[in-house]
N, C-alpha and C. Protein backbone atom coordinates (compact mmCIF):
# COMPACT_ATOMS: atom_id res chain seq x y z
N UNK A 1 20.31 -56.43 -51.73
CA UNK A 1 20.49 -55.45 -51.63
C UNK A 1 19.65 -54.14 -52.00
N UNK A 2 19.49 -53.12 -51.05
CA UNK A 2 18.35 -52.28 -51.19
C UNK A 2 18.37 -51.20 -52.16
N UNK A 3 17.08 -51.20 -52.88
CA UNK A 3 17.47 -50.32 -53.93
C UNK A 3 17.48 -49.16 -53.92
N UNK A 4 18.01 -48.16 -54.48
CA UNK A 4 17.95 -46.49 -54.11
C UNK A 4 17.00 -46.03 -54.13
N UNK A 5 15.50 -46.88 -54.95
CA UNK A 5 14.04 -45.90 -54.85
C UNK A 5 13.53 -46.26 -53.35
N UNK A 6 14.02 -47.57 -52.84
CA UNK A 6 13.43 -47.44 -51.34
C UNK A 6 13.90 -46.86 -50.52
N UNK A 7 15.60 -46.97 -50.66
CA UNK A 7 16.14 -45.78 -49.74
C UNK A 7 15.74 -43.97 -49.49
N UNK A 8 15.20 -44.05 -51.01
CA UNK A 8 14.47 -42.43 -50.87
C UNK A 8 13.33 -42.52 -50.53
N UNK A 9 12.61 -43.62 -50.68
CA UNK A 9 11.19 -43.54 -50.09
C UNK A 9 11.52 -43.37 -48.46
N UNK A 10 12.60 -44.39 -47.86
CA UNK A 10 12.50 -44.38 -46.09
C UNK A 10 12.51 -43.27 -46.18
N UNK A 11 13.89 -42.69 -46.96
CA UNK A 11 14.12 -40.83 -46.36
C UNK A 11 13.15 -40.04 -46.35
N UNK A 12 12.55 -40.19 -47.27
CA UNK A 12 11.17 -39.25 -47.67
C UNK A 12 10.16 -39.31 -46.26
N UNK A 13 10.49 -40.73 -46.17
CA UNK A 13 9.14 -40.44 -45.17
C UNK A 13 10.03 -40.26 -43.42
N UNK A 14 11.29 -40.37 -43.42
CA UNK A 14 11.43 -39.80 -42.27
C UNK A 14 11.74 -38.25 -41.82
N UNK A 15 11.64 -37.85 -43.33
CA UNK A 15 11.76 -36.33 -43.41
C UNK A 15 10.56 -35.53 -43.19
N UNK A 16 8.99 -36.00 -43.69
CA UNK A 16 7.97 -35.72 -43.23
C UNK A 16 7.59 -35.98 -41.87
N UNK A 17 8.30 -36.65 -41.56
CA UNK A 17 7.77 -37.17 -39.92
C UNK A 17 8.68 -36.22 -39.03
N UNK A 18 9.67 -36.03 -39.44
CA UNK A 18 10.70 -34.69 -38.82
C UNK A 18 9.92 -33.50 -39.04
N UNK A 19 9.42 -33.30 -40.44
CA UNK A 19 9.05 -31.83 -40.39
C UNK A 19 7.06 -31.90 -39.64
N UNK A 20 6.85 -32.92 -39.32
CA UNK A 20 5.40 -32.24 -38.21
C UNK A 20 5.69 -32.64 -37.03
N UNK A 21 6.78 -33.42 -36.62
CA UNK A 21 7.07 -33.13 -35.25
C UNK A 21 7.71 -32.12 -34.43
N UNK A 22 8.44 -31.02 -35.70
CA UNK A 22 8.92 -29.92 -35.47
C UNK A 22 7.74 -28.73 -35.27
N UNK A 23 6.64 -29.23 -36.37
CA UNK A 23 5.43 -28.09 -36.10
C UNK A 23 4.84 -28.47 -35.14
N UNK A 24 4.78 -29.80 -34.63
CA UNK A 24 3.85 -29.73 -33.49
C UNK A 24 4.63 -29.01 -32.40
N UNK A 25 6.15 -29.36 -31.92
CA UNK A 25 6.66 -28.83 -31.29
C UNK A 25 6.65 -26.72 -30.78
N UNK A 26 6.50 -26.76 -32.29
CA UNK A 26 6.65 -25.11 -32.53
C UNK A 26 5.11 -24.24 -32.73
N UNK A 27 4.00 -25.27 -32.43
CA UNK A 27 2.84 -24.66 -32.15
C UNK A 27 2.44 -24.53 -30.84
N UNK A 28 2.01 -23.96 -30.34
CA UNK A 28 1.57 -24.24 -28.70
C UNK A 28 0.08 -24.07 -28.81
N UNK A 29 -0.49 -24.89 -27.69
CA UNK A 29 -1.77 -25.04 -27.80
C UNK A 29 -2.59 -23.94 -27.92
N UNK A 30 -2.23 -22.72 -27.52
CA UNK A 30 -3.01 -21.61 -28.15
C UNK A 30 -2.78 -20.99 -29.51
N UNK A 31 -2.13 -21.61 -30.06
CA UNK A 31 -2.04 -21.11 -31.46
C UNK A 31 -0.32 -20.42 -31.61
N UNK A 32 -0.03 -20.03 -30.53
CA UNK A 32 1.03 -19.06 -30.62
C UNK A 32 2.70 -19.85 -30.83
N UNK A 33 3.09 -19.21 -31.87
CA UNK A 33 4.28 -20.07 -32.63
C UNK A 33 5.21 -19.49 -31.41
N UNK A 34 6.24 -20.91 -31.49
CA UNK A 34 7.62 -20.76 -30.09
C UNK A 34 8.71 -19.26 -30.59
N UNK A 35 8.78 -19.15 -31.47
CA UNK A 35 9.86 -18.43 -31.98
C UNK A 35 8.89 -17.04 -31.59
N UNK A 36 7.79 -16.57 -32.30
CA UNK A 36 7.20 -15.36 -31.57
C UNK A 36 6.92 -15.14 -30.37
N UNK A 37 6.59 -16.20 -29.59
CA UNK A 37 6.52 -15.92 -28.21
C UNK A 37 7.70 -15.53 -27.66
N UNK A 38 9.40 -15.93 -28.21
CA UNK A 38 10.48 -16.11 -27.33
C UNK A 38 10.94 -14.54 -27.54
N UNK A 39 10.30 -13.87 -29.06
CA UNK A 39 10.89 -12.57 -29.43
C UNK A 39 9.47 -11.46 -28.68
N UNK A 40 8.72 -12.06 -28.49
CA UNK A 40 7.76 -10.69 -27.71
C UNK A 40 6.73 -11.75 -26.71
N UNK A 41 7.58 -12.67 -25.23
CA UNK A 41 7.05 -13.21 -24.44
C UNK A 41 6.24 -12.75 -23.92
N UNK A 42 4.81 -12.99 -23.33
CA UNK A 42 4.07 -12.71 -22.34
C UNK A 42 4.40 -12.27 -21.15
N UNK A 43 3.97 -11.15 -20.71
CA UNK A 43 4.30 -10.82 -19.19
C UNK A 43 3.74 -11.82 -17.85
N UNK A 44 4.45 -11.89 -17.48
CA UNK A 44 3.95 -13.06 -15.86
C UNK A 44 3.63 -12.33 -15.15
N UNK A 45 2.57 -12.31 -14.20
CA UNK A 45 1.90 -11.29 -13.65
C UNK A 45 2.63 -11.63 -12.07
N UNK A 46 3.08 -10.57 -11.56
CA UNK A 46 4.14 -10.77 -10.24
C UNK A 46 3.82 -9.60 -9.23
N UNK A 47 3.74 -10.35 -8.08
CA UNK A 47 3.29 -9.19 -6.91
C UNK A 47 3.85 -8.07 -7.01
N UNK A 48 3.13 -6.75 -6.57
CA UNK A 48 3.50 -5.55 -6.65
C UNK A 48 3.93 -5.14 -4.91
N UNK A 49 5.22 -5.18 -4.84
CA UNK A 49 5.17 -4.70 -3.26
C UNK A 49 5.07 -3.59 -3.08
N UNK A 50 4.69 -3.36 -1.96
CA UNK A 50 4.74 -1.56 -1.47
C UNK A 50 6.12 -0.69 -1.54
N UNK A 51 5.79 0.42 -2.11
CA UNK A 51 7.13 1.02 -2.37
C UNK A 51 7.00 2.17 -1.11
N UNK A 52 7.70 1.77 -0.19
CA UNK A 52 8.04 2.81 1.28
C UNK A 52 7.69 4.32 0.61
N UNK A 53 8.69 4.92 -0.11
CA UNK A 53 8.52 6.17 -0.34
C UNK A 53 7.47 6.55 -1.08
N UNK A 54 6.68 5.93 -2.05
CA UNK A 54 5.28 6.04 -2.25
C UNK A 54 4.11 6.27 -1.00
N UNK A 55 4.51 5.38 -0.50
CA UNK A 55 3.37 5.11 0.29
C UNK A 55 3.62 6.53 1.46
N UNK A 56 4.72 7.33 2.00
CA UNK A 56 4.88 7.99 2.66
C UNK A 56 4.32 9.21 1.81
N UNK A 57 4.36 9.31 0.38
CA UNK A 57 3.94 10.35 -0.18
C UNK A 57 2.70 10.39 -0.42
N UNK A 58 1.61 9.27 -0.49
CA UNK A 58 0.56 9.49 -0.02
C UNK A 58 0.14 9.98 1.37
N UNK A 59 0.38 9.14 2.30
CA UNK A 59 0.22 9.88 3.85
C UNK A 59 0.17 11.36 4.01
N UNK A 60 1.57 12.13 3.45
CA UNK A 60 1.52 13.33 3.88
C UNK A 60 0.54 14.06 2.73
N UNK A 61 0.12 13.65 1.35
CA UNK A 61 -0.86 13.81 0.99
C UNK A 61 -2.09 13.71 1.59
N UNK A 62 -2.52 12.85 2.00
CA UNK A 62 -3.91 12.74 2.48
C UNK A 62 -4.25 13.74 3.78
N UNK A 63 -2.68 13.83 4.49
CA UNK A 63 -2.96 14.53 5.42
C UNK A 63 -3.27 16.21 5.34
N UNK A 64 -2.48 16.36 4.04
CA UNK A 64 -2.52 17.78 3.46
C UNK A 64 -4.20 18.22 2.98
N UNK A 65 -4.67 17.10 2.66
CA UNK A 65 -6.02 17.33 2.05
C UNK A 65 -6.98 17.52 3.45
N UNK A 66 -6.55 16.69 4.29
CA UNK A 66 -7.55 16.74 5.50
C UNK A 66 -7.18 18.27 6.28
N UNK A 67 -6.09 18.79 6.02
CA UNK A 67 -6.26 20.33 6.86
C UNK A 67 -6.54 21.25 6.08
N UNK A 68 -6.21 21.18 4.50
CA UNK A 68 -7.54 22.05 3.90
C UNK A 68 -8.75 21.95 3.85
N UNK A 69 -9.36 21.12 3.99
CA UNK A 69 -11.11 21.23 4.05
C UNK A 69 -10.82 21.41 5.85
N UNK A 70 -10.11 20.85 6.83
CA UNK A 70 -10.23 20.92 8.25
C UNK A 70 -10.24 22.93 8.12
N UNK A 71 -9.49 23.45 7.55
CA UNK A 71 -9.30 25.30 7.58
C UNK A 71 -10.55 25.60 6.90
N UNK A 72 -10.92 25.04 6.03
CA UNK A 72 -12.26 25.64 4.87
C UNK A 72 -13.34 25.44 6.24
N UNK A 73 -13.53 24.56 6.99
CA UNK A 73 -14.61 24.21 7.76
C UNK A 73 -14.55 25.49 9.08
N UNK A 74 -13.22 25.25 9.52
CA UNK A 74 -12.93 26.34 10.77
C UNK A 74 -13.32 27.90 10.62
N UNK A 75 -12.75 27.95 9.17
CA UNK A 75 -13.66 29.30 8.61
C UNK A 75 -14.65 29.44 8.29
N UNK A 76 -15.57 28.89 8.08
CA UNK A 76 -16.78 28.84 7.91
C UNK A 76 -17.64 28.85 9.30
N UNK A 77 -16.68 27.91 9.88
CA UNK A 77 -17.75 27.78 11.63
C UNK A 77 -17.29 29.67 12.20
N UNK A 78 -16.14 29.85 12.01
CA UNK A 78 -15.79 31.23 12.69
C UNK A 78 -16.70 32.07 12.39
N UNK A 79 -16.96 32.31 11.01
CA UNK A 79 -17.41 33.29 10.46
C UNK A 79 -19.23 33.53 10.70
N UNK A 80 -19.94 32.03 11.00
CA UNK A 80 -21.16 31.89 11.63
C UNK A 80 -21.11 32.23 13.27
N UNK A 81 -20.05 32.22 13.65
CA UNK A 81 -19.76 32.48 14.95
C UNK A 81 -19.81 34.16 15.44
N UNK A 82 -19.43 34.87 14.59
CA UNK A 82 -19.20 36.38 14.58
C UNK A 82 -20.74 36.92 13.65
N UNK A 83 -21.39 36.14 13.03
CA UNK A 83 -21.97 36.55 11.87
C UNK A 83 -23.30 37.47 13.24
N UNK A 84 -23.96 38.83 12.40
CA UNK A 84 -24.37 39.34 13.45
C UNK A 84 -25.94 38.75 13.79
N UNK A 85 -26.09 38.01 13.04
CA UNK A 85 -27.58 37.14 13.36
C UNK A 85 -27.40 36.21 14.07
N UNK A 86 -26.25 35.76 14.10
CA UNK A 86 -26.21 34.62 15.30
C UNK A 86 -25.64 35.58 16.73
N UNK A 87 -25.37 36.51 16.90
CA UNK A 87 -25.29 37.40 17.98
C UNK A 87 -26.52 37.38 19.07
N UNK A 88 -26.16 36.67 20.11
CA UNK A 88 -27.50 36.13 21.28
C UNK A 88 -27.95 38.03 21.53
N UNK A 89 -29.06 37.53 21.73
CA UNK A 89 -29.94 38.92 22.30
C UNK A 89 -30.82 38.28 23.52
N UNK A 90 -30.50 37.41 23.92
CA UNK A 90 -30.88 37.06 25.24
C UNK A 90 -30.10 35.52 25.65
N UNK A 91 -30.24 35.21 26.82
CA UNK A 91 -29.16 34.22 27.22
C UNK A 91 -29.54 32.67 27.12
N UNK A 92 -30.46 32.66 26.41
CA UNK A 92 -30.80 31.41 25.96
C UNK A 92 -30.48 30.97 24.64
N UNK A 93 -30.16 32.26 23.39
CA UNK A 93 -29.75 32.13 22.33
C UNK A 93 -28.01 31.60 22.18
N UNK A 94 -27.87 30.77 21.72
CA UNK A 94 -26.69 29.78 22.03
C UNK A 94 -25.65 29.69 20.41
N UNK A 95 -26.38 30.20 19.75
CA UNK A 95 -26.08 29.67 18.42
C UNK A 95 -24.69 30.20 17.74
N UNK A 96 -24.22 31.19 18.19
CA UNK A 96 -22.84 31.76 18.58
C UNK A 96 -21.85 31.29 19.28
N UNK A 97 -22.13 30.81 20.40
CA UNK A 97 -21.52 29.88 21.06
C UNK A 97 -21.23 28.76 20.52
N UNK A 98 -22.07 28.26 20.02
CA UNK A 98 -22.05 26.75 19.92
C UNK A 98 -20.98 26.66 18.64
N UNK A 99 -21.44 27.63 17.66
CA UNK A 99 -20.24 27.83 16.83
C UNK A 99 -19.29 28.18 16.85
N UNK A 100 -18.96 28.75 17.98
CA UNK A 100 -17.38 29.34 18.54
C UNK A 100 -16.63 27.80 18.91
N UNK A 101 -17.31 26.97 19.27
CA UNK A 101 -16.82 25.71 20.23
C UNK A 101 -16.55 24.81 19.21
N UNK A 102 -16.94 25.17 17.83
CA UNK A 102 -17.03 24.15 16.46
C UNK A 102 -15.63 24.73 16.05
N UNK A 103 -15.85 26.23 15.87
CA UNK A 103 -14.82 26.65 15.54
C UNK A 103 -13.07 26.40 16.28
N UNK A 104 -13.58 26.17 17.29
CA UNK A 104 -12.22 26.09 18.21
C UNK A 104 -11.77 24.85 18.15
N UNK A 105 -12.34 23.49 17.76
CA UNK A 105 -12.14 22.33 18.03
C UNK A 105 -11.65 22.09 17.01
N UNK A 106 -12.07 22.66 15.58
CA UNK A 106 -11.75 22.59 13.93
C UNK A 106 -9.93 22.75 14.32
N UNK A 107 -9.80 24.36 14.87
CA UNK A 107 -8.14 24.55 14.65
C UNK A 107 -7.91 23.67 15.61
N UNK A 108 -7.97 23.32 16.66
CA UNK A 108 -7.25 22.86 17.58
C UNK A 108 -6.99 21.12 16.63
N UNK A 109 -7.52 20.86 15.61
CA UNK A 109 -7.25 19.31 15.16
C UNK A 109 -6.55 20.05 13.70
N UNK A 110 -6.77 21.16 13.57
CA UNK A 110 -5.54 21.73 12.41
C UNK A 110 -4.42 21.46 12.87
N UNK A 111 -4.03 21.99 14.18
CA UNK A 111 -3.16 22.09 14.53
C UNK A 111 -2.19 20.93 14.20
N UNK A 112 -3.03 19.65 14.91
CA UNK A 112 -2.38 18.44 15.39
C UNK A 112 -2.15 17.84 14.09
N UNK A 113 -2.87 18.09 13.15
CA UNK A 113 -2.76 17.68 11.73
C UNK A 113 -1.30 18.39 10.88
N UNK A 114 -1.15 19.70 11.54
CA UNK A 114 0.22 20.39 10.94
C UNK A 114 1.54 19.89 11.61
N UNK A 115 1.45 19.48 13.01
CA UNK A 115 2.34 18.71 13.54
C UNK A 115 2.68 17.34 12.90
N UNK A 116 1.51 16.85 12.51
CA UNK A 116 1.91 15.25 12.00
C UNK A 116 2.47 15.59 10.59
N UNK A 117 2.44 16.50 9.76
CA UNK A 117 2.36 16.87 8.34
C UNK A 117 4.27 17.56 8.89
N UNK A 118 4.44 18.07 9.37
CA UNK A 118 5.80 18.04 9.70
C UNK A 118 6.95 16.90 10.05
N UNK A 119 5.71 16.30 11.22
CA UNK A 119 6.37 14.90 11.35
C UNK A 119 6.74 14.39 10.41
N UNK A 120 5.82 13.70 9.36
CA UNK A 120 6.46 12.38 8.43
C UNK A 120 7.12 12.93 7.19
N UNK A 121 6.92 14.64 7.08
CA UNK A 121 7.88 14.97 5.80
C UNK A 121 9.26 15.00 6.76
N UNK A 122 9.58 14.56 8.04
CA UNK A 122 11.28 14.84 8.21
C UNK A 122 11.34 13.11 8.29
N UNK A 123 10.44 12.28 7.80
CA UNK A 123 11.08 10.72 7.63
C UNK A 123 11.77 10.37 6.53
N UNK A 124 12.30 9.54 6.78
CA UNK A 124 13.47 9.03 6.11
C UNK A 124 12.40 7.65 5.05
N UNK A 125 12.49 7.90 3.89
CA UNK A 125 11.62 7.14 3.27
C UNK A 125 12.49 6.49 2.29
N UNK A 126 13.91 6.30 2.73
CA UNK A 126 14.59 4.90 2.14
C UNK A 126 14.63 3.86 2.82
N UNK A 127 14.32 2.69 2.07
CA UNK A 127 14.44 1.25 2.94
C UNK A 127 15.53 0.92 3.61
N UNK A 128 15.06 0.40 4.79
CA UNK A 128 15.89 -0.05 6.26
C UNK A 128 16.36 -1.41 5.92
N UNK A 129 17.78 -1.04 5.71
CA UNK A 129 18.97 -2.43 5.04
C UNK A 129 18.99 -3.56 7.08
N UNK A 130 19.07 -2.69 7.41
CA UNK A 130 19.02 -3.65 8.72
C UNK A 130 17.47 -4.68 9.22
N UNK A 131 16.75 -4.04 8.91
CA UNK A 131 15.88 -5.13 8.79
C UNK A 131 14.91 -4.94 10.07
N UNK A 132 15.47 -4.36 10.78
CA UNK A 132 15.00 -4.11 12.27
C UNK A 132 13.83 -3.12 12.54
N UNK A 133 12.87 -3.23 13.05
CA UNK A 133 11.31 -2.70 12.90
C UNK A 133 11.69 -1.23 14.05
N UNK A 134 11.42 -0.40 13.50
CA UNK A 134 11.91 1.05 14.17
C UNK A 134 10.66 2.11 13.75
N UNK A 135 10.83 3.36 14.03
CA UNK A 135 9.45 4.44 13.53
C UNK A 135 10.30 4.56 12.42
N UNK A 136 9.37 4.46 11.07
CA UNK A 136 9.01 5.07 9.74
C UNK A 136 9.36 3.75 9.04
N UNK A 137 9.15 2.06 9.88
CA UNK A 137 9.04 0.93 8.91
C UNK A 137 8.14 0.62 8.63
N UNK A 138 7.99 0.26 7.28
CA UNK A 138 6.85 -0.84 6.61
C UNK A 138 7.08 -1.88 6.89
N UNK A 139 5.87 -2.68 7.92
CA UNK A 139 5.92 -3.86 8.23
C UNK A 139 4.93 -4.48 7.50
N UNK A 140 5.53 -6.09 6.91
CA UNK A 140 4.40 -7.05 6.65
C UNK A 140 4.16 -8.18 7.85
N UNK A 141 3.18 -8.18 7.90
CA UNK A 141 3.29 -9.51 9.03
C UNK A 141 1.90 -10.46 8.41
N UNK A 142 2.58 -11.95 8.60
CA UNK A 142 1.22 -12.64 8.25
C UNK A 142 1.18 -13.77 9.47
N UNK A 143 0.05 -14.51 9.44
CA UNK A 143 -0.33 -15.48 10.22
C UNK A 143 -0.31 -16.91 9.81
N UNK A 144 -0.80 -17.61 10.29
CA UNK A 144 -0.77 -19.37 10.36
C UNK A 144 -1.40 -19.98 9.14
N UNK A 145 -2.73 -19.01 8.90
CA UNK A 145 -3.64 -19.48 7.95
C UNK A 145 -3.08 -18.89 6.57
N UNK A 146 -2.26 -17.80 6.52
CA UNK A 146 -2.03 -17.06 5.01
C UNK A 146 -2.21 -15.81 5.05
N UNK A 147 -2.99 -15.51 6.03
CA UNK A 147 -3.38 -14.11 6.00
C UNK A 147 -2.32 -12.83 6.14
N UNK A 148 -2.40 -11.92 5.37
CA UNK A 148 -0.96 -11.27 5.76
C UNK A 148 -1.91 -9.55 6.27
N UNK A 149 -1.22 -8.69 7.07
CA UNK A 149 -1.68 -7.39 7.16
C UNK A 149 -0.28 -6.41 6.81
N UNK A 150 -0.21 -5.39 6.23
CA UNK A 150 0.61 -4.35 6.25
C UNK A 150 0.82 -3.21 7.29
N UNK A 151 1.65 -3.19 8.15
CA UNK A 151 1.40 -1.43 9.13
C UNK A 151 2.59 -0.75 8.76
N UNK A 152 2.37 0.82 8.71
CA UNK A 152 3.54 1.38 8.85
C UNK A 152 3.81 2.28 10.12
N UNK A 153 5.00 2.07 10.70
CA UNK A 153 5.19 2.67 11.78
C UNK A 153 5.32 4.48 11.76
N UNK A 154 3.81 4.87 12.03
CA UNK A 154 4.28 6.46 11.92
C UNK A 154 4.67 7.13 13.25
N UNK A 155 4.83 8.45 13.38
CA UNK A 155 5.11 9.31 14.43
C UNK A 155 3.48 9.54 15.05
N UNK A 156 2.70 10.16 14.22
CA UNK A 156 1.56 10.55 14.56
C UNK A 156 0.57 9.99 13.90
N UNK A 157 -0.75 10.02 13.85
CA UNK A 157 -2.33 9.87 13.31
C UNK A 157 -2.51 8.34 13.26
N UNK A 158 -1.96 7.80 14.13
CA UNK A 158 -2.32 6.05 14.01
C UNK A 158 -3.59 5.89 13.94
N UNK A 159 -3.91 4.89 12.88
CA UNK A 159 -5.45 4.58 12.39
C UNK A 159 -5.54 4.96 11.09
N UNK A 160 -4.81 5.65 10.42
CA UNK A 160 -5.06 6.29 9.14
C UNK A 160 -4.98 5.25 8.13
N UNK A 161 -5.90 4.63 7.24
CA UNK A 161 -5.53 3.60 6.25
C UNK A 161 -5.09 4.10 4.94
N UNK A 162 -4.47 3.52 4.38
CA UNK A 162 -3.77 4.11 3.12
C UNK A 162 -3.77 2.85 1.89
N UNK A 163 -4.30 3.02 0.56
CA UNK A 163 -4.41 2.16 0.06
C UNK A 163 -3.40 2.25 -1.25
N UNK A 164 -2.57 0.94 -1.17
CA UNK A 164 -1.35 1.40 -2.02
C UNK A 164 -0.97 0.25 -2.78
N UNK A 165 -0.44 0.41 -4.07
CA UNK A 165 -0.14 -0.96 -4.69
C UNK A 165 -1.24 -2.32 -5.03
N UNK A 166 -2.44 -1.64 -4.28
CA UNK A 166 -3.35 -2.87 -4.71
C UNK A 166 -3.72 -3.40 -2.93
N UNK A 167 -2.93 -2.72 -2.27
CA UNK A 167 -2.87 -3.24 -0.35
C UNK A 167 -3.40 -2.12 0.11
N UNK A 168 -3.85 -2.68 1.47
CA UNK A 168 -4.31 -1.38 2.18
C UNK A 168 -3.43 -1.64 3.48
N UNK A 169 -2.32 -0.18 3.79
CA UNK A 169 -1.65 -0.27 4.86
C UNK A 169 -2.30 0.74 5.93
N UNK A 170 -1.98 -0.03 7.11
CA UNK A 170 -2.72 0.89 8.41
C UNK A 170 -1.32 1.46 8.97
N UNK A 171 -1.53 3.01 9.65
CA UNK A 171 -0.59 3.11 10.14
C UNK A 171 -1.18 3.49 11.57
N UNK A 172 0.55 2.86 12.52
CA UNK A 172 0.12 2.73 13.60
C UNK A 172 1.53 3.61 14.39
N UNK A 173 1.01 3.80 15.55
CA UNK A 173 2.04 4.42 15.87
C UNK A 173 3.24 3.71 17.26
N UNK A 174 4.87 4.18 17.77
CA UNK A 174 4.76 3.73 18.85
C UNK A 174 4.58 3.29 20.38
N UNK A 175 3.68 4.12 20.21
CA UNK A 175 2.80 3.98 21.60
C UNK A 175 1.62 3.19 21.48
N UNK A 176 0.93 2.60 20.19
CA UNK A 176 -0.03 1.50 20.38
C UNK A 176 0.28 0.12 20.75
N UNK A 177 -0.55 -0.69 21.07
CA UNK A 177 0.02 -2.05 21.70
C UNK A 177 0.95 -2.82 20.63
N UNK A 178 0.72 -2.66 19.62
CA UNK A 178 1.35 -3.58 18.28
C UNK A 178 2.59 -2.63 17.86
N UNK A 179 2.63 -1.58 17.98
CA UNK A 179 3.62 -0.80 17.69
C UNK A 179 4.48 -1.01 18.74
N UNK A 180 4.55 -0.90 20.01
CA UNK A 180 5.23 -1.35 21.01
C UNK A 180 6.35 -2.72 20.78
N UNK A 181 5.02 -3.65 20.66
CA UNK A 181 5.73 -5.31 20.36
C UNK A 181 6.42 -5.17 19.47
N UNK A 182 6.48 -4.51 18.29
CA UNK A 182 7.06 -4.54 17.19
C UNK A 182 8.26 -3.82 17.03
N UNK A 183 8.55 -2.58 17.36
CA UNK A 183 9.89 -2.03 17.77
C UNK A 183 10.96 -2.59 18.10
N UNK A 184 11.88 -3.20 17.30
CA UNK A 184 12.98 -3.63 18.05
C UNK A 184 12.99 -4.72 17.07
N UNK A 185 12.08 -5.64 16.59
CA UNK A 185 11.99 -7.02 16.13
C UNK A 185 12.63 -7.14 14.88
N UNK A 186 12.70 -8.29 14.17
CA UNK A 186 13.41 -8.34 12.92
C UNK A 186 12.00 -9.41 11.97
N UNK A 187 12.98 -9.80 10.77
CA UNK A 187 11.79 -10.68 10.12
C UNK A 187 12.18 -12.01 10.99
N UNK A 188 10.92 -12.65 10.92
CA UNK A 188 11.00 -14.18 11.40
C UNK A 188 10.20 -14.02 13.00
N UNK A 189 10.80 -12.63 13.47
CA UNK A 189 9.90 -12.97 14.81
C UNK A 189 8.17 -12.68 14.44
N UNK A 190 8.04 -13.22 16.12
CA UNK A 190 6.45 -13.03 16.18
C UNK A 190 6.08 -12.13 16.81
N UNK A 191 4.67 -11.55 16.99
CA UNK A 191 3.89 -10.60 17.36
C UNK A 191 2.52 -10.87 17.47
N UNK A 192 2.05 -10.52 18.79
CA UNK A 192 0.91 -10.77 19.05
C UNK A 192 -0.39 -9.76 18.87
N UNK A 193 -0.89 -9.98 17.87
CA UNK A 193 -2.30 -8.92 17.47
C UNK A 193 -3.74 -8.76 17.90
N UNK A 194 -4.46 -7.84 17.87
CA UNK A 194 -5.80 -7.91 18.06
C UNK A 194 -6.44 -8.90 17.09
N UNK A 195 -5.90 -9.44 16.09
CA UNK A 195 -6.44 -10.49 15.21
C UNK A 195 -5.82 -11.55 15.31
N UNK A 196 -4.84 -12.46 16.17
CA UNK A 196 -4.35 -13.53 17.14
C UNK A 196 -2.56 -13.09 16.45
N UNK A 197 -2.19 -14.29 16.10
CA UNK A 197 -0.54 -14.35 16.24
C UNK A 197 0.03 -14.16 14.87
N UNK A 198 1.06 -13.25 14.74
CA UNK A 198 1.76 -12.81 13.59
C UNK A 198 3.19 -12.98 13.59
N UNK A 199 3.53 -13.09 12.41
CA UNK A 199 5.04 -13.50 12.24
C UNK A 199 5.29 -12.30 10.95
N UNK A 200 6.73 -11.83 11.42
CA UNK A 200 6.98 -10.45 10.73
C UNK A 200 7.75 -11.02 9.28
N UNK A 201 7.30 -10.95 8.49
CA UNK A 201 7.90 -11.67 7.04
C UNK A 201 8.62 -10.22 6.38
N UNK A 202 8.28 -9.10 6.44
CA UNK A 202 9.29 -7.92 5.48
C UNK A 202 8.81 -6.82 6.47
N UNK A 203 10.38 -6.62 6.31
CA UNK A 203 10.79 -5.08 6.91
C UNK A 203 11.55 -4.36 5.98
N UNK A 204 10.84 -2.86 5.76
CA UNK A 204 11.89 -2.37 5.12
C UNK A 204 11.38 -0.62 5.25
């Protein structure tokens, strides 16, 4: 018959072993407690997708800034063209003429940006539930090697680059080669770009 003292020693041994095992499971390698971790979980890094509405606002803000700079430059050029010191006193004096050309070019460019601003302000910034690429779509492309590019199908000002959420988005128009090929397609379809073959992985 096993004595009570022996049973107590065995039970005490199991208790100590259980406490040690519990401590091993409760303590993480970095010294953090499991309970504390569950109460205050460490945030896992997740990809930050582009927000089309925010991107559109950035495009509008960039165009408005460019317009403001152009108008200021055009005003200066106009002042230079009409300044009395630049009025030609002979046929070889062309400062005023050159300044007037610059002012006209800047005024024309300002008109283009005004039209672009109006067009972008009329775009619908809500995500497209159809998944079909059209004017105003934000499209993510990926090639076979995992390289990605993001394009925004805009009405005007193709070539404009906007950095948003740590990624660069390129504005292209429906008249561009890539824009023409993308229109009407959806996720999973392929397109040919100057950088190779790409697949549409997301449309919003």
